[in-house]
Every structure is written in structure tokens, then in C-alpha cells.
Amino acid sequence: MILTLMREYEGLGEENVRQGDIVDKMVLTLEVDPSEQRQASVERSIETSRKINNVINYMITNENLLLISQDAKAKADRYLTLNLSSNIDNYNSFLEGRGQGTQQ
């Protein structure tokens, strides 16, 4: 989902995205049910935010899919970009359940 969201921002012409914006949009997507028009609890939203931040950190440090384009003291204020040298399409194929993708 994070890669898809980064691609959406990229499609809008934003190559660098504030980490806090990614987390906020992900929490809204995961925690607010549009069919029931109800809000998630504050505690659950905080927990989800923390988990998303952990996944983002993992994608930066271990998977090398995201890069920090502008660092900040607060992680929510740093800007991220997709690592163009990574084969993101293979990751997307794998995550969508189509195996490991096709290598070119």
C-alpha cells in the first residue's frame, strides 16, 4: 500500500512526499470505514501510525525501496522518495499475489 501511495503522489508530480502525509493517508484508509461513517479510536489510530512508521523505516533501511530525500528532526517531517534503482514492479507483483513478477 505504501508503494502504491507513493506512486499516486508521483503521478501527481510530487516526487518527494512528507512521511507524515503518507502515515495520515494510510491511517485514514485502514481505520475509517466509509460504509459505516465512523471514526477510529484515538488509541487504535496511534497504534496504526506507529506500525506504519515501522514499515516505512524497514522499507528504507532493509529493503532500500524508499530514500530519505530531506531529513528532519521529527520523522513525520522528513521527506521520502522512491528509490529508482530498486525494481519496484517486482515488489508490486509479489505483493499483489502474482509471484515474483517477470524479470526483463
C-alpha atoms as a PDB file:
ATOM      1  CA  MET A   1       0.000   0.000   0.000  1.00  0.00           C
ATOM      2  CA  ILE A   2       2.836   2.383   0.768  1.00  0.00           C
ATOM      3  CA  LEU A   3       4.399   1.877  -2.653  1.00  0.00           C
ATOM      4  CA  THR A   4       1.018   2.381  -4.316  1.00  0.00           C
ATOM      5  CA  LEU A   5       0.517   5.588  -2.363  1.00  0.00           C
ATOM      6  CA  MET A   6       3.991   6.809  -3.310  1.00  0.00           C
ATOM      7  CA  ARG A   7       3.192   6.075  -6.953  1.00  0.00           C
ATOM      8  CA  GLU A   8      -0.045   8.096  -6.643  1.00  0.00           C
ATOM      9  CA  TYR A   9       1.889  11.086  -5.346  1.00  0.00           C
ATOM     10  CA  GLU A  10       4.466  10.588  -8.100  1.00  0.00           C
ATOM     11  CA  GLY A  11       1.645  10.617 -10.673  1.00  0.00           C
ATOM     12  CA  LEU A  12       0.562  13.991  -9.285  1.00  0.00           C
ATOM     13  CA  GLY A  13       4.062  15.333  -9.885  1.00  0.00           C
ATOM     14  CA  GLU A  14       5.255  15.087  -6.282  1.00  0.00           C
ATOM     15  CA  GLU A  15       8.482  13.108  -6.173  1.00  0.00           C
ATOM     16  CA  ASN A  16       9.184  13.957  -2.536  1.00  0.00           C
ATOM     17  CA  VAL A  17       6.443  13.207  -0.025  1.00  0.00           C
ATOM     18  CA  ARG A  18       6.338  14.105   3.665  1.00  0.00           C
ATOM     19  CA  GLN A  19       6.313  10.928   5.761  1.00  0.00           C
ATOM     20  CA  GLY A  20       3.548  12.336   7.968  1.00  0.00           C
ATOM     21  CA  ASP A  21       1.296  12.717   4.909  1.00  0.00           C
ATOM     22  CA  ILE A  22       1.836   9.083   3.986  1.00  0.00           C
ATOM     23  CA  VAL A  23       1.070   7.915   7.522  1.00  0.00           C
ATOM     24  CA  ASP A  24      -2.044  10.106   7.772  1.00  0.00           C
ATOM     25  CA  LYS A  25      -3.464   8.828   4.491  1.00  0.00           C
ATOM     26  CA  MET A  26      -2.704   5.218   5.415  1.00  0.00           C
ATOM     27  CA  VAL A  27      -4.404   5.580   8.815  1.00  0.00           C
ATOM     28  CA  LEU A  28      -7.487   7.026   7.132  1.00  0.00           C
ATOM     29  CA  THR A  29      -7.531   4.172   4.652  1.00  0.00           C
ATOM     30  CA  LEU A  30      -7.064   1.459   7.270  1.00  0.00           C
ATOM     31  CA  GLU A  31      -9.022   2.801  10.217  1.00  0.00           C
ATOM     32  CA  VAL A  32     -12.008   4.748   8.886  1.00  0.00           C
ATOM     33  CA  ASP A  33     -14.779   2.635   7.404  1.00  0.00           C
ATOM     34  CA  PRO A  34     -16.581   4.763   4.793  1.00  0.00           C
ATOM     35  CA  SER A  35     -19.618   2.482   4.754  1.00  0.00           C
ATOM     36  CA  GLU A  36     -20.255   2.990   8.458  1.00  0.00           C
ATOM     37  CA  GLN A  37     -19.188   6.646   8.582  1.00  0.00           C
ATOM     38  CA  ARG A  38     -17.491   6.120  11.920  1.00  0.00           C
ATOM     39  CA  GLN A  39     -14.151   7.306  13.180  1.00  0.00           C
ATOM     40  CA  ALA A  40     -11.458   5.047  14.581  1.00  0.00           C
ATOM     41  CA  SER A  41     -10.483   5.315  18.220  1.00  0.00           C
ATOM     42  CA  VAL A  42      -7.557   7.567  19.034  1.00  0.00           C
ATOM     43  CA  GLU A  43      -5.612   4.718  20.625  1.00  0.00           C
ATOM     44  CA  ARG A  44      -6.060   2.475  17.617  1.00  0.00           C
ATOM     45  CA  SER A  45      -5.054   5.280  15.231  1.00  0.00           C
ATOM     46  CA  ILE A  46      -1.882   5.939  17.237  1.00  0.00           C
ATOM     47  CA  GLU A  47      -1.031   2.236  17.201  1.00  0.00           C
ATOM     48  CA  THR A  48      -1.624   2.029  13.442  1.00  0.00           C
ATOM     49  CA  SER A  49       0.531   5.137  12.889  1.00  0.00           C
ATOM     50  CA  ARG A  50       3.365   3.546  14.834  1.00  0.00           C
ATOM     51  CA  LYS A  51       3.115   0.335  12.805  1.00  0.00           C
ATOM     52  CA  ILE A  52       3.118   2.244   9.508  1.00  0.00           C
ATOM     53  CA  ASN A  53       6.178   4.219  10.611  1.00  0.00           C
ATOM     54  CA  ASN A  54       7.928   0.929  11.436  1.00  0.00           C
ATOM     55  CA  VAL A  55       7.117  -0.438   7.975  1.00  0.00           C
ATOM     56  CA  ILE A  56       8.409   2.760   6.342  1.00  0.00           C
ATOM     57  CA  ASN A  57      11.641   2.522   8.352  1.00  0.00           C
ATOM     58  CA  TYR A  58      12.001  -1.106   7.270  1.00  0.00           C
ATOM     59  CA  MET A  59      11.462  -0.127   3.626  1.00  0.00           C
ATOM     60  CA  ILE A  60      14.223   2.485   3.988  1.00  0.00           C
ATOM     61  CA  THR A  61      16.818   0.502   5.922  1.00  0.00           C
ATOM     62  CA  ASN A  62      16.285  -3.123   4.878  1.00  0.00           C
ATOM     63  CA  GLU A  63      14.513  -3.179   1.513  1.00  0.00           C
ATOM     64  CA  ASN A  64      16.037   0.001   0.045  1.00  0.00           C
ATOM     65  CA  LEU A  65      12.700   0.853  -1.625  1.00  0.00           C
ATOM     66  CA  LEU A  66      12.381   4.331  -0.147  1.00  0.00           C
ATOM     67  CA  LEU A  67      15.004   7.016   0.302  1.00  0.00           C
ATOM     68  CA  ILE A  68      15.054   9.989   2.634  1.00  0.00           C
ATOM     69  CA  SER A  69      15.272  12.980   0.323  1.00  0.00           C
ATOM     70  CA  GLN A  70      15.209  15.584   3.101  1.00  0.00           C
ATOM     71  CA  ASP A  71      15.833  14.636   6.712  1.00  0.00           C
ATOM     72  CA  ALA A  72      14.252  16.323   9.727  1.00  0.00           C
ATOM     73  CA  LYS A  73      14.430  16.011  13.499  1.00  0.00           C
ATOM     74  CA  ALA A  74      10.918  14.567  13.612  1.00  0.00           C
ATOM     75  CA  LYS A  75      10.426  11.528  11.370  1.00  0.00           C
ATOM     76  CA  ALA A  76       6.960  12.735  10.395  1.00  0.00           C
ATOM     77  CA  ASP A  77       8.519  15.866   8.882  1.00  0.00           C
ATOM     78  CA  ARG A  78      11.147  14.152   6.739  1.00  0.00           C
ATOM     79  CA  TYR A  79      10.553  13.782   3.013  1.00  0.00           C
ATOM     80  CA  LEU A  80      10.729  10.438   1.224  1.00  0.00           C
ATOM     81  CA  THR A  81      11.096   9.422  -2.383  1.00  0.00           C
ATOM     82  CA  LEU A  82      11.017   6.121  -4.267  1.00  0.00           C
ATOM     83  CA  ASN A  83      14.401   4.538  -4.900  1.00  0.00           C
ATOM     84  CA  LEU A  84      14.555   4.447  -8.673  1.00  0.00           C
ATOM     85  CA  SER A  85      17.292   1.808  -8.710  1.00  0.00           C
ATOM     86  CA  SER A  86      15.014  -0.714  -6.966  1.00  0.00           C
ATOM     87  CA  ASN A  87      12.825  -2.949  -9.073  1.00  0.00           C
ATOM     88  CA  ILE A  88       9.557  -1.764  -7.566  1.00  0.00           C
ATOM     89  CA  ASP A  89       7.426  -3.505 -10.186  1.00  0.00           C
ATOM     90  CA  ASN A  90       8.717  -6.881  -8.969  1.00  0.00           C
ATOM     91  CA  TYR A  91       7.730  -5.973  -5.410  1.00  0.00           C
ATOM     92  CA  ASN A  92       4.282  -4.851  -6.547  1.00  0.00           C
ATOM     93  CA  SER A  93       3.751  -8.101  -8.477  1.00  0.00           C
ATOM     94  CA  PHE A  94       4.792 -10.144  -5.486  1.00  0.00           C
ATOM     95  CA  LEU A  95       2.550  -8.196  -3.099  1.00  0.00           C
ATOM     96  CA  GLU A  96      -0.420  -8.482  -5.460  1.00  0.00           C
ATOM     97  CA  GLY A  97      -0.095 -12.272  -5.404  1.00  0.00           C
ATOM     98  CA  ARG A  98       1.326 -12.772  -8.878  1.00  0.00           C
ATOM     99  CA  GLY A  99       4.547 -14.445  -7.744  1.00  0.00           C
ATOM    100  CA  GLN A 100       7.868 -12.730  -8.127  1.00  0.00           C
ATOM    101  CA  GLY A 101       6.997 -10.807 -11.265  1.00  0.00           C
ATOM    102  CA  THR A 102       8.743 -11.075 -14.565  1.00  0.00           C
ATOM    103  CA  GLN A 103      12.364 -10.200 -14.947  1.00  0.00           C
ATOM    104  CA  GLN A 104      13.365  -8.317 -18.042  1.00  0.00           C
END
